[in-house]
Protein backbone atom coordinates (compact mmCIF):
# COMPACT_ATOMS: atom_id res chain seq x y z
CA UNK A 1 88.37 93.97 111.75
CA UNK A 2 90.76 96.01 113.87
CA UNK A 3 92.77 92.89 114.66
CA UNK A 4 92.86 91.89 111.02
CA UNK A 5 94.21 95.29 109.97
CA UNK A 6 96.87 95.12 112.77
CA UNK A 7 98.09 91.72 111.63
CA UNK A 8 98.31 93.00 107.99
CA UNK A 9 100.13 96.13 109.21
CA UNK A 10 102.62 94.18 111.36
CA UNK A 11 103.34 91.82 108.43
CA UNK A 12 103.89 94.79 106.15
CA UNK A 13 106.42 96.32 108.60
CA UNK A 14 108.41 93.12 108.63
CA UNK A 15 108.36 93.01 104.83
CA UNK A 16 109.36 96.60 104.58
CA UNK A 17 112.36 96.04 106.95
CA UNK A 18 113.45 92.95 105.02
CA UNK A 19 113.11 94.81 101.69
CA UNK A 20 115.21 97.76 102.97
CA UNK A 21 117.92 95.33 104.25
CA UNK A 22 117.94 93.49 100.87
CA UNK A 23 118.08 96.60 98.70
CA UNK A 24 120.60 98.36 100.91
CA UNK A 25 123.12 95.58 101.05
CA UNK A 26 122.58 94.69 97.44
CA UNK A 27 123.53 98.23 96.38
CA UNK A 28 126.34 98.79 98.88
CA UNK A 29 128.06 95.48 98.40
CA UNK A 30 128.54 95.87 94.66
CA UNK A 31 132.04 95.70 93.41
CA UNK A 32 131.96 99.53 92.57
CA UNK A 33 133.10 102.58 94.36
CA UNK A 34 129.82 104.41 95.21
CA UNK A 35 131.59 107.63 95.86
CA UNK A 36 133.17 107.58 92.40
CA UNK A 37 129.79 106.93 90.71
CA UNK A 38 128.38 109.98 92.56
CA UNK A 39 131.35 112.22 91.81
CA UNK A 40 130.78 114.56 88.84
CA UNK A 41 132.96 114.53 85.76
CA UNK A 42 136.45 115.83 86.36
CA UNK A 43 136.24 114.95 90.08
CA UNK A 44 139.13 115.93 92.08
CA UNK A 45 140.65 113.62 94.81
CA UNK A 46 139.64 116.15 97.51
CA UNK A 47 135.97 116.19 96.29
CA UNK A 48 136.03 112.46 96.01
CA UNK A 49 137.17 112.03 99.63
CA UNK A 50 134.47 114.65 100.79
CA UNK A 51 131.77 112.75 99.05
CA UNK A 52 133.00 109.37 100.56
CA UNK A 53 132.83 111.08 103.95
CA UNK A 54 129.40 112.62 103.38
CA UNK A 55 128.07 109.24 102.27
CA UNK A 56 129.59 107.63 105.39
CA UNK A 57 131.45 105.16 103.16
CA UNK A 58 134.43 105.48 105.43
CA UNK A 59 132.51 103.64 108.12
CA UNK A 60 131.80 99.88 108.52
CA UNK A 61 128.89 98.58 106.37
CA UNK A 62 126.83 97.88 109.62
CA UNK A 63 127.27 101.47 110.73
CA UNK A 64 126.19 102.72 107.27
CA UNK A 65 123.08 100.52 107.53
CA UNK A 66 122.24 101.81 110.98
CA UNK A 67 122.69 105.51 109.81
CA UNK A 68 120.47 104.77 106.81
CA UNK A 69 117.57 103.15 108.85
CA UNK A 70 117.79 105.88 111.63
CA UNK A 71 117.92 108.49 108.94
CA UNK A 72 114.51 107.33 107.68
CA UNK A 73 112.95 108.30 111.05
CA UNK A 74 115.14 111.15 112.55
CA UNK A 75 117.30 112.27 109.65
CA UNK A 76 121.09 112.25 109.50
CA UNK A 77 124.04 114.63 109.29
CA UNK A 78 125.45 114.65 105.69
CA UNK A 79 128.59 116.46 106.52
CA UNK A 80 129.36 119.48 104.36
CA UNK A 81 125.94 119.09 102.67
CA UNK A 82 124.03 119.85 105.94
CA UNK A 83 121.32 118.22 107.83
CA UNK A 84 119.10 115.74 105.87
CA UNK A 85 115.64 115.86 107.47
CA UNK A 86 113.55 112.74 107.99
CA UNK A 87 112.74 110.78 105.95
CA UNK A 88 116.28 110.98 104.70
CA UNK A 89 117.12 108.73 101.63
CA UNK A 90 120.46 110.38 101.08
CA UNK A 91 121.72 112.94 98.65
CA UNK A 92 121.87 112.94 94.87
CA UNK A 93 125.17 114.43 93.64
CA UNK A 94 124.05 114.29 90.01
CA UNK A 95 120.96 116.51 90.72
CA UNK A 96 122.47 118.41 93.65
CA UNK A 97 119.31 117.65 95.72
CA UNK A 98 118.22 115.48 98.52
CA UNK A 99 116.64 112.26 97.21
CA UNK A 100 113.44 112.79 99.22
CA UNK A 101 112.90 116.22 97.54
CA UNK A 102 113.21 114.58 94.14
CA UNK A 103 110.76 111.87 95.16
CA UNK A 104 108.16 114.28 96.47
CA UNK A 105 108.37 116.43 93.35
CA UNK A 106 107.96 113.41 90.90
CA UNK A 107 105.68 111.06 92.79
CA UNK A 108 102.30 112.99 92.28
CA UNK A 109 102.49 112.43 88.50
CA UNK A 110 102.99 108.70 89.07
CA UNK A 111 100.20 108.55 91.60
CA UNK A 112 97.73 110.29 89.36
CA UNK A 113 98.68 108.07 86.50
CA UNK A 114 98.46 104.85 88.50
CA UNK A 115 95.18 105.71 90.23
CA UNK A 116 93.65 106.97 87.02
CA UNK A 117 94.65 103.81 85.14
CA UNK A 118 93.31 101.67 87.96
CA UNK A 119 89.99 103.54 87.81
CA UNK A 120 89.75 103.13 84.08
CA UNK A 121 90.52 99.49 83.92
CA UNK A 122 88.18 98.79 86.88
CA UNK A 123 85.27 100.62 85.30
CA UNK A 124 85.83 99.49 81.77
CA UNK A 125 86.86 95.92 82.57
CA UNK A 126 84.17 95.18 85.16
CA UNK A 127 81.54 96.86 83.03
CA UNK A 128 82.38 94.96 79.87
CA UNK A 129 82.64 91.68 81.87
CA UNK A 130 79.31 92.12 83.43
CA UNK A 131 77.81 93.03 80.07
CA UNK A 132 79.34 90.00 78.37
CA UNK A 133 77.98 87.76 81.20
CA UNK A 134 74.52 89.31 80.98
CA UNK A 135 74.40 88.84 77.23
CA UNK A 136 76.07 85.39 77.20
CA UNK A 137 76.21 83.85 73.77
CA UNK A 138 74.96 86.94 71.96
CA UNK A 139 76.82 89.19 69.51
CA UNK A 140 77.56 91.54 72.38
CA UNK A 141 79.30 88.78 74.31
CA UNK A 142 81.47 87.87 71.23
CA UNK A 143 82.35 91.54 70.58
CA UNK A 144 83.39 92.07 74.22
CA UNK A 145 85.46 88.92 74.23
CA UNK A 146 87.19 89.88 70.99
CA UNK A 147 88.03 93.36 72.14
CA UNK A 148 89.60 91.87 75.37
CA UNK A 149 91.67 89.47 73.29
CA UNK A 150 92.95 92.34 71.07
CA UNK A 151 93.68 94.46 74.11
CA UNK A 152 95.77 91.74 75.78
CA UNK A 153 97.88 91.27 72.67
CA UNK A 154 98.91 95.01 72.54
CA UNK A 155 101.72 96.84 74.31
CA UNK A 156 101.88 100.28 75.78
CA UNK A 157 104.84 101.43 73.75
CA UNK A 158 102.99 100.51 70.57
CA UNK A 159 99.52 101.85 71.11
CA UNK A 160 100.74 104.93 73.09
CA UNK A 161 102.21 106.73 70.00
CA UNK A 162 99.36 105.59 67.82
CA UNK A 163 96.69 106.93 70.25
CA UNK A 164 98.51 110.23 70.59
CA UNK A 165 98.87 110.63 66.80
CA UNK A 166 95.15 109.86 66.25
CA UNK A 167 93.42 111.59 69.19
CA UNK A 168 95.80 114.43 69.84
CA UNK A 169 97.41 115.51 66.50
CA UNK A 170 94.92 114.38 63.93
CA UNK A 171 91.46 114.54 65.50
CA UNK A 172 92.28 117.06 68.27
CA UNK A 173 89.89 115.36 70.78
CA UNK A 174 92.39 115.26 73.60
CA UNK A 175 95.01 117.52 75.02
CA UNK A 176 98.76 116.80 74.62
CA UNK A 177 99.64 114.41 77.58
CA UNK A 178 101.27 116.31 80.40
CA UNK A 179 101.02 116.47 84.12
CA UNK A 180 99.58 119.59 85.74
CA UNK A 181 99.35 119.53 89.56
CA UNK A 182 95.81 118.90 90.53
CA UNK A 183 95.92 121.69 93.08
CA UNK A 184 96.60 124.19 90.30
CA UNK A 185 94.22 123.10 87.60
CA UNK A 186 92.08 120.03 88.30
CA UNK A 187 90.55 120.05 84.83
CA UNK A 188 93.81 120.56 83.07
CA UNK A 189 95.27 117.63 85.21
CA UNK A 190 92.41 115.41 84.12
CA UNK A 191 92.58 116.15 80.42
CA UNK A 192 96.40 116.09 80.41
CA UNK A 193 96.49 112.57 82.09
CA UNK A 194 93.40 111.15 80.42
CA UNK A 195 95.12 109.56 77.42
CA UNK A 196 98.07 108.09 79.38
CA UNK A 197 95.65 106.59 81.80
CA UNK A 198 93.49 105.07 79.07
CA UNK A 199 96.47 103.63 77.19
CA UNK A 200 97.99 102.17 80.32
CA UNK A 201 94.68 100.56 81.29
CA UNK A 202 94.06 98.71 78.02
CA UNK A 203 96.03 95.62 78.96
CA UNK A 204 94.46 95.38 82.40
CA UNK A 205 90.77 95.98 81.54
CA UNK A 206 91.19 93.35 78.70
CA UNK A 207 92.09 90.81 81.45
CA UNK A 208 89.33 91.98 83.87
CA UNK A 209 86.71 91.63 81.16
CA UNK A 210 87.44 87.93 80.82
CA UNK A 211 87.92 87.41 84.61
CA UNK A 212 84.67 89.16 85.54
CA UNK A 213 82.67 87.37 82.82
CA UNK A 214 83.99 83.95 84.06
CA UNK A 215 83.29 84.86 87.76
CA UNK A 216 79.81 86.11 87.08
CA UNK A 217 78.79 82.98 85.14
CA UNK A 218 80.23 80.86 87.92
CA UNK A 219 78.22 82.71 90.55
CA UNK A 220 75.02 82.52 88.55
CA UNK A 221 75.31 78.74 88.56
CA UNK A 222 75.60 78.61 92.35
CA UNK A 223 72.82 77.05 94.52
CA UNK A 224 72.08 80.10 96.55
CA UNK A 225 71.45 82.04 93.35
CA UNK A 226 69.01 79.35 92.10
CA UNK A 227 67.32 79.39 95.47
CA UNK A 228 66.95 83.13 95.36
CA UNK A 229 65.39 82.94 91.87
CA UNK A 230 63.05 80.18 93.11
CA UNK A 231 61.81 82.47 95.75
CA UNK A 232 60.60 84.88 93.12
CA UNK A 233 63.32 87.52 93.28
CA UNK A 234 63.84 89.48 90.23
CA UNK A 235 66.85 88.73 87.90
CA UNK A 236 68.18 92.27 88.31
CA UNK A 237 68.04 92.01 92.14
CA UNK A 238 69.76 88.64 92.22
CA UNK A 239 72.30 89.92 89.73
CA UNK A 240 73.31 92.96 91.77
CA UNK A 241 72.68 91.66 95.33
CA UNK A 242 74.22 88.21 95.17
CA UNK A 243 76.08 87.42 92.02
CA UNK A 244 77.99 90.59 91.83
CA UNK A 245 78.94 90.69 95.41
CA UNK A 246 80.25 87.13 95.20
CA UNK A 247 82.27 87.91 92.18
CA UNK A 248 83.82 91.09 93.50
CA UNK A 249 85.87 89.38 96.28
CA UNK A 250 88.20 87.63 93.79
CA UNK A 251 88.38 90.66 91.71
CA UNK A 252 89.55 92.77 94.69
CA UNK A 253 92.33 90.12 95.29
CA UNK A 254 93.42 90.31 91.65
CA UNK A 255 93.37 94.21 91.89
CA UNK A 256 95.63 94.08 94.99
CA UNK A 257 98.18 92.02 93.02
CA UNK A 258 97.82 94.27 89.90
CA UNK A 259 98.64 97.35 91.86
CA UNK A 260 102.30 96.52 91.83
CA UNK A 261 102.17 95.93 88.08
CA UNK A 262 100.46 99.16 87.56
CA UNK A 263 103.17 101.06 89.31
CA UNK A 264 105.70 99.09 87.21
CA UNK A 265 103.83 99.80 84.00
CA UNK A 266 103.97 103.53 84.83
CA UNK A 267 107.63 103.48 83.90
CA UNK A 268 106.90 102.57 80.33
CA UNK A 269 103.90 104.89 80.11
CA UNK A 270 105.88 107.81 81.54
CA UNK A 271 108.55 107.41 78.97
CA UNK A 272 106.10 106.91 76.15
CA UNK A 273 104.34 110.25 76.98
CA UNK A 274 107.19 112.01 78.46
CA UNK A 275 105.69 112.59 81.86
CA UNK A 276 108.08 113.39 84.62
CA UNK A 277 106.99 110.81 87.24
CA UNK A 278 108.67 108.44 89.59
CA UNK A 279 109.24 105.84 86.85
CA UNK A 280 110.97 108.42 84.70
CA UNK A 281 113.09 109.37 87.67
CA UNK A 282 113.98 105.68 88.36
CA UNK A 283 115.23 105.12 84.77
CA UNK A 284 117.18 108.40 84.94
CA UNK A 285 118.94 107.26 88.17
CA UNK A 286 119.82 103.94 86.60
CA UNK A 287 121.31 105.51 83.42
CA UNK A 288 123.25 108.06 85.48
CA UNK A 289 124.36 105.44 87.98
CA UNK A 290 123.05 107.56 90.94
CA UNK A 291 122.97 104.98 93.59
CA UNK A 292 121.37 107.06 96.33
CA UNK A 293 118.55 108.11 94.04
CA UNK A 294 118.05 104.66 92.63
CA UNK A 295 117.89 103.11 96.10
CA UNK A 296 115.55 105.74 97.40
CA UNK A 297 113.07 105.35 94.50
CA UNK A 298 113.10 101.56 94.80
CA UNK A 299 112.40 101.58 98.56
CA UNK A 300 109.74 104.35 98.37
CA UNK A 301 107.96 102.59 95.49
CA UNK A 302 107.92 99.25 97.31
CA UNK A 303 106.52 100.88 100.53
CA UNK A 304 103.87 102.58 98.48
CA UNK A 305 102.77 99.30 96.92
CA UNK A 306 102.68 97.66 100.44
CA UNK A 307 100.50 100.45 101.76
CA UNK A 308 98.06 100.14 98.87
CA UNK A 309 97.88 96.37 99.31
CA UNK A 310 96.97 96.93 102.97
CA UNK A 311 94.13 99.09 101.88
CA UNK A 312 92.89 96.41 99.33
CA UNK A 313 93.14 93.81 102.18
CA UNK A 314 90.89 96.02 104.35
CA UNK A 315 88.38 96.40 101.51
CA UNK A 316 88.55 92.63 100.93
CA UNK A 317 87.98 91.93 104.68
CA UNK A 318 84.84 94.12 104.59
CA UNK A 319 83.51 92.25 101.58
CA UNK A 320 84.30 88.77 102.83
CA UNK A 321 84.19 88.26 106.69
CA UNK A 322 85.83 84.90 106.25
CA UNK A 323 89.12 86.62 105.33
CA UNK A 324 89.15 88.31 108.71
CA UNK A 325 89.04 84.95 110.54
CA UNK A 326 91.93 83.45 108.47
C-alpha cells in the first residue's frame, strides 16, 4: 500500500510541476503588459515602472519562472512591497494584498461547500440507487429513476433562486445562505451552507442514483453472489457484504473524477448564493484582469484537486487490492 501511495504522490508531483509550467508561461507570454493590467487607474509612469520591477518583469522569462517556483517554497523579495513569505503566489495590486492571503481567506467557504455537496450527493445518490435496485421493477424504482432524470436536466443557476425563494423566503425552513467560519459557529455554518450544498448536489446525486442502481443489479447477477445465496446466506447479508462492496469500487473511481467537477461547480453556486469563496474570487480576478490573483487561484485549485484525487486513490486501493498491483 505504501508503494502504491508513493507512486501516486510522485505522479502527482510531476503533474503539478507541468501544470505550473503550463499556466505560468500561458499567462506571462500573453501579448499584454502585465504591469499595466495590475496598475490602478490613473497610474503614473513611476508607479508603472515600480510595479514592473516588483513583479520582476524586467528580468528574462526563465528568471521570472525560477523566482516564481522558488517563491512557492522559500518566498521571494517583492521590492518595495516587502518580503512575500512562502508559499508566495505573488501580489494583487487590485486588492493590495498578497495572493496567498486572499486564497486563505476565501478557500474555507469553497472547501465547506464542495465537501458538503459531495457528502450530500453520495448519501442521497447511493441511497436512492440502492433502494431502486432493491425494489427493482416496483413503483419505488420508477419514482427514483424519474427523480434522477429530472435532477439531471436541471441547472444550478435555475434551481438555486427557486429553492432560496421557496425554502428561505416563503416557508422559512432554512437560513439565508451564507458562510460562517465553522470554528466560530458550527451550527450556523451548517445551516448557512445547507441549501447551497443541497442545490449543488442535485445534478450529481441524480447521476449516482442511476450508476449505483446499474452497478448493484450487475453485481447481483454475478456467479459469486449466486453461490453465496446457494450456501444459505441471507439476502441482506449478501447485499451488504458482497454486492455493495463490489459496486463501491467503480463509484469511488467516479467520485474521484467528479471532485474536479465539484470544485468547478462551486463557482456557479457561489455566485448564485453570493458566497465569498474561491470560485467567486476566481471570477473577480478575471473581470478585474488581475493576473497574479488569477494564476494563484488556478494553481492552488488544481493542486487541491490533485491532493483529493490521491486520497480517493488510497481509498480505492484499500477497497480493491488489485489496484495496488497495477
